[in-house]
Amino acid sequence: MKTKEVYVDSFKNVWMDIYVVGYPEEGESILCVIRDKRDIKYTFMTDSYIFCHTKGWYNHVDHLLNQMKVDHLDAFIWTHPDLDHSLDIPRMLDTYDKLHQAQIYMPSLDGVKGMKPVAVATNNYLYNKYSAKGSQKYHVKVVDVDEDEETDEKMVLAKGMLRVKIIEKYNITGAPIACVFKYMSPIRDYVSRYEHFHMKPNFNDLSLSVALSVNGKNILLCGDIEDRTIKRIDDNCLHDVVYIKIPHHASGKSSGYLFERLQKNQIRAAIATTTIYKANNLPEVDLLKKYKTISKEVYTTGSNKQHLYGCIKSSVHIEDFNIETICDGSAMVV
């Protein structure tokens, strides 16, 4: 397991900022920053999208990273190759990870049919830029699981997990706070079946999601996973959930079953967020009402045409898990 050690002055000043970004018609990206007051200690990003509007192009995560003066990303997670999660990845990584040292996590896409040229080019870019011929530097981790693999957590690829250990500088004998990324992945057989029969897959079947465990509390960043992946999520990832990025833009095809599992685990006060996918009338309003029964608050990035984007910023206090959430652009409370 790869471990990154982060030193801070005091746990009392450490926050994880989660920015969920969406756009008027479609598009999703998540930026997460661990900071000690304003000093950024660790940064990772999930997916990317750039919005084309009448005056040009706009990527709000680009704006946020530039505003924070971030000069590198520690990790990038590409959940799946649908275009609303994939546009602008190479430019973003060239801009904010110039040395190409971030750890890349992605599903297995080799041999997958039907990907748009942008997704194919992105796949090639990640392999070419994040591996150095003739050296030991190789930063691409393909996350998939054999359905018959005997592991404690069937939806977690152990060798692909990442741990961030937060340590107080002046109390190095004290217990650190451990942030463990558990990648809930597609089953390898799904990918093999698509390859064998030369079929264009439902790309959501390939989608990754992440359960970020922080000292036993779970933060769920669910990508576009659907039911047959959700039913294999280890139950340990669904206890003590404090934050949920609802999968697949709050579609009943996936989010309904996840809601049932969370409800069974007696989740009562999480912060829940979702982006929109306007062509399919997502999020489903009735489903969001269900999520309100297990959540302290539910937010959506919205689709107000007066704004180029919607951004939901949730700041999670690492020590006591107090969460402060604010909306920007078209984002709003449901």
Protein backbone atom coordinates (compact mmCIF):
# COMPACT_ATOMS: atom_id res chain seq x y z
CA MET A 1 0.00 0.00 0.00
CA LYS A 2 1.39 3.40 -0.99
CA THR A 3 1.55 5.80 1.98
CA LYS A 4 1.92 9.56 1.89
CA GLU A 5 2.88 11.22 5.19
CA VAL A 6 1.56 14.73 5.79
CA TYR A 7 2.79 16.82 8.73
CA VAL A 8 0.55 19.46 10.29
CA ASP A 9 0.82 21.79 13.28
CA SER A 10 -2.40 20.63 14.91
CA PHE A 11 -5.33 18.39 13.99
CA LYS A 12 -7.61 21.21 15.18
CA ASN A 13 -6.75 23.21 12.06
CA VAL A 14 -6.95 20.41 9.47
CA TRP A 15 -9.83 20.32 6.99
CA MET A 16 -10.67 18.35 3.88
CA ASP A 17 -12.41 20.55 1.31
CA ILE A 18 -14.56 18.61 -1.18
CA TYR A 19 -15.63 20.59 -4.26
CA VAL A 20 -18.29 18.90 -6.39
CA VAL A 21 -18.53 20.73 -9.70
CA GLY A 22 -21.18 20.45 -12.41
CA TYR A 23 -22.29 22.46 -15.45
CA PRO A 24 -25.64 23.57 -16.97
CA GLU A 25 -26.24 20.51 -19.21
CA GLU A 26 -23.81 17.83 -18.00
CA GLY A 27 -20.30 17.34 -16.67
CA GLU A 28 -18.79 16.31 -13.36
CA SER A 29 -15.51 16.76 -11.56
CA ILE A 30 -14.52 16.55 -7.89
CA LEU A 31 -11.57 18.31 -6.30
CA CYS A 32 -10.45 17.35 -2.78
CA VAL A 33 -7.88 19.30 -0.80
CA ILE A 34 -6.46 18.49 2.65
CA ARG A 35 -5.25 21.71 4.26
CA ASP A 36 -3.75 22.91 7.54
CA LYS A 37 -5.51 26.27 7.87
CA ARG A 38 -4.68 27.66 4.38
CA ASP A 39 -1.57 25.57 3.79
CA ILE A 40 -2.46 22.87 1.24
CA LYS A 41 -1.00 19.49 2.18
CA TYR A 42 -2.57 17.02 -0.23
CA THR A 43 -4.68 17.40 -3.40
CA PHE A 44 -6.55 14.87 -5.50
CA MET A 45 -9.02 15.18 -8.34
CA THR A 46 -11.70 12.89 -9.74
CA ASP A 47 -12.67 13.21 -13.42
CA SER A 48 -12.75 16.40 -15.50
CA TYR A 49 -15.07 18.40 -17.72
CA ILE A 50 -14.82 21.66 -19.65
CA PHE A 51 -17.97 23.57 -20.60
CA CYS A 52 -18.34 25.17 -24.03
CA HIS A 53 -20.44 28.34 -23.90
CA THR A 54 -21.09 31.32 -26.17
CA LYS A 55 -17.94 33.17 -25.09
CA GLY A 56 -15.54 30.25 -24.97
CA TRP A 57 -14.59 27.39 -22.64
CA TYR A 58 -14.78 27.12 -18.86
CA ASN A 59 -13.47 24.56 -16.37
CA HIS A 60 -14.29 25.56 -12.79
CA VAL A 61 -11.79 23.15 -11.23
CA ASP A 62 -9.15 24.89 -13.33
CA HIS A 63 -10.29 28.16 -11.75
CA LEU A 64 -10.17 26.71 -8.22
CA LEU A 65 -6.68 25.22 -8.58
CA ASN A 66 -5.37 28.45 -10.10
CA GLN A 67 -6.97 30.45 -7.29
CA MET A 68 -5.32 28.20 -4.67
CA LYS A 69 -1.96 28.45 -6.48
CA VAL A 70 -1.70 24.65 -6.53
CA ASP A 71 1.47 23.57 -8.34
CA HIS A 72 0.90 19.81 -8.32
CA LEU A 73 -1.71 17.09 -7.84
CA ASP A 74 -0.94 14.10 -5.64
CA ALA A 75 -3.51 11.79 -7.26
CA PHE A 76 -5.99 11.76 -10.13
CA ILE A 77 -8.88 9.28 -10.39
CA TRP A 78 -10.56 8.71 -13.74
CA THR A 79 -13.76 6.86 -12.93
CA HIS A 80 -14.85 5.89 -16.47
CA PRO A 81 -14.65 7.13 -20.09
CA ASP A 82 -18.06 8.78 -20.57
CA LEU A 83 -17.43 12.25 -21.99
CA ASP A 84 -19.20 14.09 -19.17
CA HIS A 85 -16.43 12.78 -16.87
CA SER A 86 -13.51 12.91 -19.30
CA LEU A 87 -13.15 16.18 -21.18
CA ASP A 88 -10.01 18.24 -20.55
CA ILE A 89 -8.01 15.68 -18.52
CA PRO A 90 -4.69 16.02 -20.44
CA ARG A 91 -4.69 19.83 -20.30
CA MET A 92 -5.52 19.85 -16.59
CA LEU A 93 -2.76 17.39 -15.74
CA ASP A 94 -0.23 19.18 -17.96
CA THR A 95 -1.11 22.41 -16.15
CA TYR A 96 -1.28 21.24 -12.54
CA ASP A 97 1.04 18.23 -12.57
CA LYS A 98 3.77 19.43 -14.90
CA LEU A 99 6.25 16.76 -13.77
CA HIS A 100 3.63 14.01 -14.17
CA GLN A 101 4.23 12.56 -10.72
CA ALA A 102 0.63 12.19 -9.55
CA GLN A 103 -0.63 8.68 -8.87
CA ILE A 104 -3.25 7.79 -11.52
CA TYR A 105 -6.13 5.40 -10.75
CA MET A 106 -8.43 4.22 -13.55
CA PRO A 107 -10.44 1.20 -14.74
CA SER A 108 -9.12 -1.25 -17.31
CA LEU A 109 -9.98 0.18 -20.73
CA ASP A 110 -7.72 -1.87 -23.01
CA GLY A 111 -9.80 -3.50 -25.72
CA VAL A 112 -12.99 -1.66 -24.73
CA LYS A 113 -15.03 -0.75 -27.82
CA GLY A 114 -17.02 2.37 -28.57
CA MET A 115 -15.01 4.98 -26.69
CA LYS A 116 -15.07 8.45 -28.21
CA PRO A 117 -11.75 9.69 -29.67
CA VAL A 118 -11.33 12.05 -26.68
CA ALA A 119 -11.47 9.11 -24.26
CA VAL A 120 -9.09 7.00 -26.38
CA ALA A 121 -6.63 9.90 -26.54
CA THR A 122 -6.92 10.41 -22.77
CA ASN A 123 -6.24 6.73 -22.10
CA ASN A 124 -3.12 6.89 -24.30
CA TYR A 125 -2.02 10.16 -22.70
CA LEU A 126 -2.17 8.72 -19.16
CA TYR A 127 -0.07 5.69 -20.06
CA ASN A 128 2.43 7.71 -22.08
CA LYS A 129 2.87 10.59 -19.63
CA TYR A 130 2.78 8.64 -16.38
CA SER A 131 5.22 5.88 -17.24
CA ALA A 132 8.87 6.40 -18.11
CA LYS A 133 10.51 3.86 -20.42
CA GLY A 134 13.56 2.21 -18.94
CA SER A 135 12.89 3.42 -15.40
CA GLN A 136 10.96 2.29 -12.34
CA LYS A 137 8.64 5.31 -12.48
CA TYR A 138 5.19 4.07 -13.29
CA HIS A 139 2.25 5.96 -11.84
CA VAL A 140 -0.78 4.30 -13.47
CA LYS A 141 -2.78 1.87 -11.33
CA VAL A 142 -5.50 -0.08 -13.12
CA VAL A 143 -8.21 -0.92 -10.60
CA ASP A 144 -10.19 -4.09 -11.17
CA VAL A 145 -11.10 -7.16 -9.13
CA ASP A 146 -11.47 -10.82 -10.00
CA GLU A 147 -14.95 -11.90 -8.94
CA ASP A 148 -13.60 -15.15 -7.53
CA GLU A 149 -10.71 -13.52 -5.72
CA GLU A 150 -10.72 -14.41 -2.04
CA THR A 151 -10.29 -11.07 -0.28
CA ASP A 152 -11.81 -9.50 2.80
CA GLU A 153 -13.15 -6.67 0.70
CA LYS A 154 -14.13 -7.92 -2.73
CA MET A 155 -14.57 -4.46 -4.17
CA VAL A 156 -11.11 -3.29 -3.10
CA LEU A 157 -7.89 -3.91 -4.99
CA ALA A 158 -5.43 -4.05 -2.08
CA LYS A 159 -2.33 -3.27 -4.12
CA GLY A 160 -4.10 -0.23 -5.57
CA MET A 161 -5.04 1.36 -2.28
CA LEU A 162 -3.53 4.62 -1.14
CA ARG A 163 -3.08 5.85 2.42
CA VAL A 164 -2.53 9.43 3.55
CA LYS A 165 -1.20 9.59 7.11
CA ILE A 166 -1.69 12.96 8.85
CA ILE A 167 0.81 13.49 11.68
CA GLU A 168 1.11 16.34 14.19
CA LYS A 169 4.67 17.73 13.87
CA TYR A 170 5.12 18.48 17.54
CA ASN A 171 3.46 15.30 18.77
CA ILE A 172 5.07 12.64 16.60
CA THR A 173 4.51 9.96 19.25
CA GLY A 174 0.76 10.60 19.12
CA ALA A 175 -1.59 8.59 16.94
CA PRO A 176 -1.82 9.85 13.33
CA ILE A 177 -5.07 10.30 11.44
CA ALA A 178 -5.21 7.79 8.59
CA CYS A 179 -7.07 8.52 5.35
CA VAL A 180 -7.40 5.29 3.35
CA PHE A 181 -8.68 5.30 -0.24
CA LYS A 182 -10.60 2.10 -0.98
CA TYR A 183 -11.34 1.71 -4.69
CA MET A 184 -14.62 0.00 -5.42
CA SER A 185 -14.14 -1.28 -8.92
CA PRO A 186 -15.81 -3.09 -11.79
CA ILE A 187 -15.44 -6.85 -11.89
CA ARG A 188 -12.77 -7.94 -14.39
CA ASP A 189 -15.21 -10.44 -15.98
CA TYR A 190 -17.40 -7.56 -17.18
CA VAL A 191 -14.51 -6.06 -19.09
CA SER A 192 -13.40 -9.45 -20.48
CA ARG A 193 -16.92 -10.21 -21.71
CA TYR A 194 -17.12 -6.92 -23.59
CA GLU A 195 -13.69 -7.55 -25.12
CA HIS A 196 -14.48 -11.15 -26.13
CA PHE A 197 -17.77 -10.34 -27.87
CA HIS A 198 -16.48 -7.04 -29.33
CA MET A 199 -19.39 -5.25 -27.65
CA LYS A 200 -19.66 -1.58 -26.81
CA PRO A 201 -20.13 -1.59 -23.04
CA ASN A 202 -22.31 0.44 -20.78
CA PHE A 203 -19.39 2.54 -19.54
CA ASN A 204 -21.04 2.87 -16.13
CA ASP A 205 -20.33 -0.85 -15.64
CA LEU A 206 -16.64 0.09 -15.77
CA SER A 207 -16.94 3.00 -13.34
CA LEU A 208 -14.78 3.23 -10.24
CA SER A 209 -15.89 4.77 -7.00
CA VAL A 210 -13.97 5.57 -3.85
CA ALA A 211 -14.72 5.01 -0.18
CA LEU A 212 -12.35 7.34 1.62
CA SER A 213 -12.09 6.11 5.20
CA VAL A 214 -10.89 8.74 7.70
CA ASN A 215 -10.38 7.19 11.13
CA GLY A 216 -13.37 4.93 10.60
CA LYS A 217 -15.71 7.51 9.05
CA ASN A 218 -16.54 7.00 5.36
CA ILE A 219 -16.69 9.56 2.55
CA LEU A 220 -18.25 8.06 -0.60
CA LEU A 221 -17.33 9.41 -4.05
CA CYS A 222 -19.39 7.12 -6.22
CA GLY A 223 -18.69 7.95 -9.85
CA ASP A 224 -21.41 6.47 -12.07
CA ILE A 225 -21.54 2.97 -10.54
CA GLU A 226 -24.74 1.01 -11.05
CA ASP A 227 -26.48 -1.80 -9.18
CA ARG A 228 -24.31 -4.78 -9.99
CA THR A 229 -21.26 -2.93 -8.70
CA ILE A 230 -23.13 -1.47 -5.72
CA LYS A 231 -24.28 -4.90 -4.52
CA ARG A 232 -20.63 -5.97 -4.20
CA ILE A 233 -19.50 -3.00 -2.10
CA ASP A 234 -18.14 -4.29 1.18
CA ASP A 235 -20.51 -3.40 4.00
CA ASN A 236 -17.67 -1.85 6.03
CA CYS A 237 -17.56 0.98 3.49
CA LEU A 238 -21.23 1.78 4.12
CA HIS A 239 -21.11 2.21 7.90
CA ASP A 240 -20.50 5.61 9.55
CA VAL A 241 -20.96 7.44 6.25
CA VAL A 242 -20.66 11.21 6.71
CA TYR A 243 -20.58 12.29 3.05
CA ILE A 244 -22.05 10.86 -0.17
CA LYS A 245 -21.52 11.98 -3.74
CA ILE A 246 -24.63 10.21 -5.05
CA PRO A 247 -23.78 7.89 -7.97
CA HIS A 248 -24.83 8.45 -11.57
CA HIS A 249 -26.40 11.90 -11.11
CA ALA A 250 -29.04 10.41 -8.75
CA SER A 251 -30.46 7.96 -11.25
CA GLY A 252 -32.77 5.23 -9.98
CA LYS A 253 -30.64 2.72 -11.93
CA SER A 254 -27.97 2.99 -9.27
CA SER A 255 -28.63 5.49 -6.54
CA GLY A 256 -31.88 3.81 -5.45
CA TYR A 257 -30.13 0.59 -4.47
CA LEU A 258 -27.31 2.45 -2.73
CA PHE A 259 -29.95 4.40 -0.79
CA GLU A 260 -31.49 1.11 0.38
CA ARG A 261 -28.13 -0.19 1.58
CA LEU A 262 -27.33 3.05 3.40
CA GLN A 263 -30.79 3.12 4.97
CA LYS A 264 -30.29 -0.47 6.18
CA ASN A 265 -27.02 0.62 7.79
CA GLN A 266 -28.90 3.36 9.64
CA ILE A 267 -27.16 6.32 8.01
CA ARG A 268 -29.00 9.37 9.32
CA ALA A 269 -27.02 12.59 9.03
CA ALA A 270 -24.74 12.52 5.98
CA ILE A 271 -24.16 15.38 3.55
CA ALA A 272 -25.36 14.18 0.11
CA THR A 273 -24.49 15.86 -3.19
CA THR A 274 -25.22 15.26 -6.86
CA THR A 275 -24.49 16.71 -10.27
CA ILE A 276 -27.00 16.89 -13.14
CA TYR A 277 -27.36 15.18 -16.50
CA LYS A 278 -30.06 17.22 -18.21
CA ALA A 279 -30.61 14.99 -21.28
CA ASN A 280 -31.86 12.18 -19.00
CA ASN A 281 -33.68 14.50 -16.57
CA LEU A 282 -31.29 13.67 -13.76
CA PRO A 283 -31.26 13.91 -10.80
CA GLU A 284 -34.58 12.16 -10.13
CA VAL A 285 -36.55 14.39 -7.76
CA ASP A 286 -38.29 11.49 -5.96
CA LEU A 287 -34.96 9.83 -5.30
CA LEU A 288 -33.50 13.02 -3.82
CA LYS A 289 -36.48 13.11 -1.46
CA LYS A 290 -35.49 9.63 -0.26
CA TYR A 291 -31.91 10.73 0.29
CA LYS A 292 -33.19 13.59 2.44
CA THR A 293 -34.44 10.98 4.93
CA ILE A 294 -30.89 9.75 5.60
CA SER A 295 -29.09 13.06 5.17
CA LYS A 296 -28.58 16.20 7.15
CA GLU A 297 -28.65 18.11 3.85
CA VAL A 298 -28.89 17.27 0.13
CA TYR A 299 -27.34 19.51 -2.54
CA THR A 300 -27.34 19.63 -6.33
CA THR A 301 -25.07 21.59 -8.68
CA GLY A 302 -28.19 22.86 -10.50
CA SER A 303 -28.66 24.09 -14.08
CA ASN A 304 -29.38 27.81 -13.85
CA LYS A 305 -28.32 29.26 -17.22
CA GLN A 306 -27.23 32.49 -15.54
CA HIS A 307 -24.20 30.56 -14.24
CA LEU A 308 -21.49 28.66 -16.10
CA TYR A 309 -21.17 26.13 -13.29
CA GLY A 310 -22.50 24.90 -9.98
CA CYS A 311 -20.08 24.15 -7.15
CA ILE A 312 -20.81 22.52 -3.78
CA LYS A 313 -17.98 23.04 -1.30
CA SER A 314 -18.07 20.86 1.82
CA SER A 315 -15.33 21.43 4.39
CA VAL A 316 -14.89 18.39 6.64
CA HIS A 317 -13.06 18.92 9.93
CA ILE A 318 -10.70 15.94 10.14
CA GLU A 319 -10.79 15.66 13.93
CA ASP A 320 -14.49 15.99 14.85
CA PHE A 321 -16.16 15.57 11.40
CA ASN A 322 -18.09 18.81 11.60
CA ILE A 323 -19.03 19.63 7.97
CA GLU A 324 -19.62 23.14 6.65
CA THR A 325 -21.18 23.36 3.17
CA ILE A 326 -21.62 26.37 0.90
CA CYS A 327 -23.03 26.71 -2.63
CA ASP A 328 -21.56 28.69 -5.50
CA GLY A 329 -22.82 29.37 -9.02
CA SER A 330 -26.05 27.49 -9.68
CA ALA A 331 -25.59 24.99 -6.80
CA MET A 332 -28.41 24.82 -4.25
CA VAL A 333 -29.92 22.95 -1.35
CA VAL A 334 -32.66 20.50 -2.38
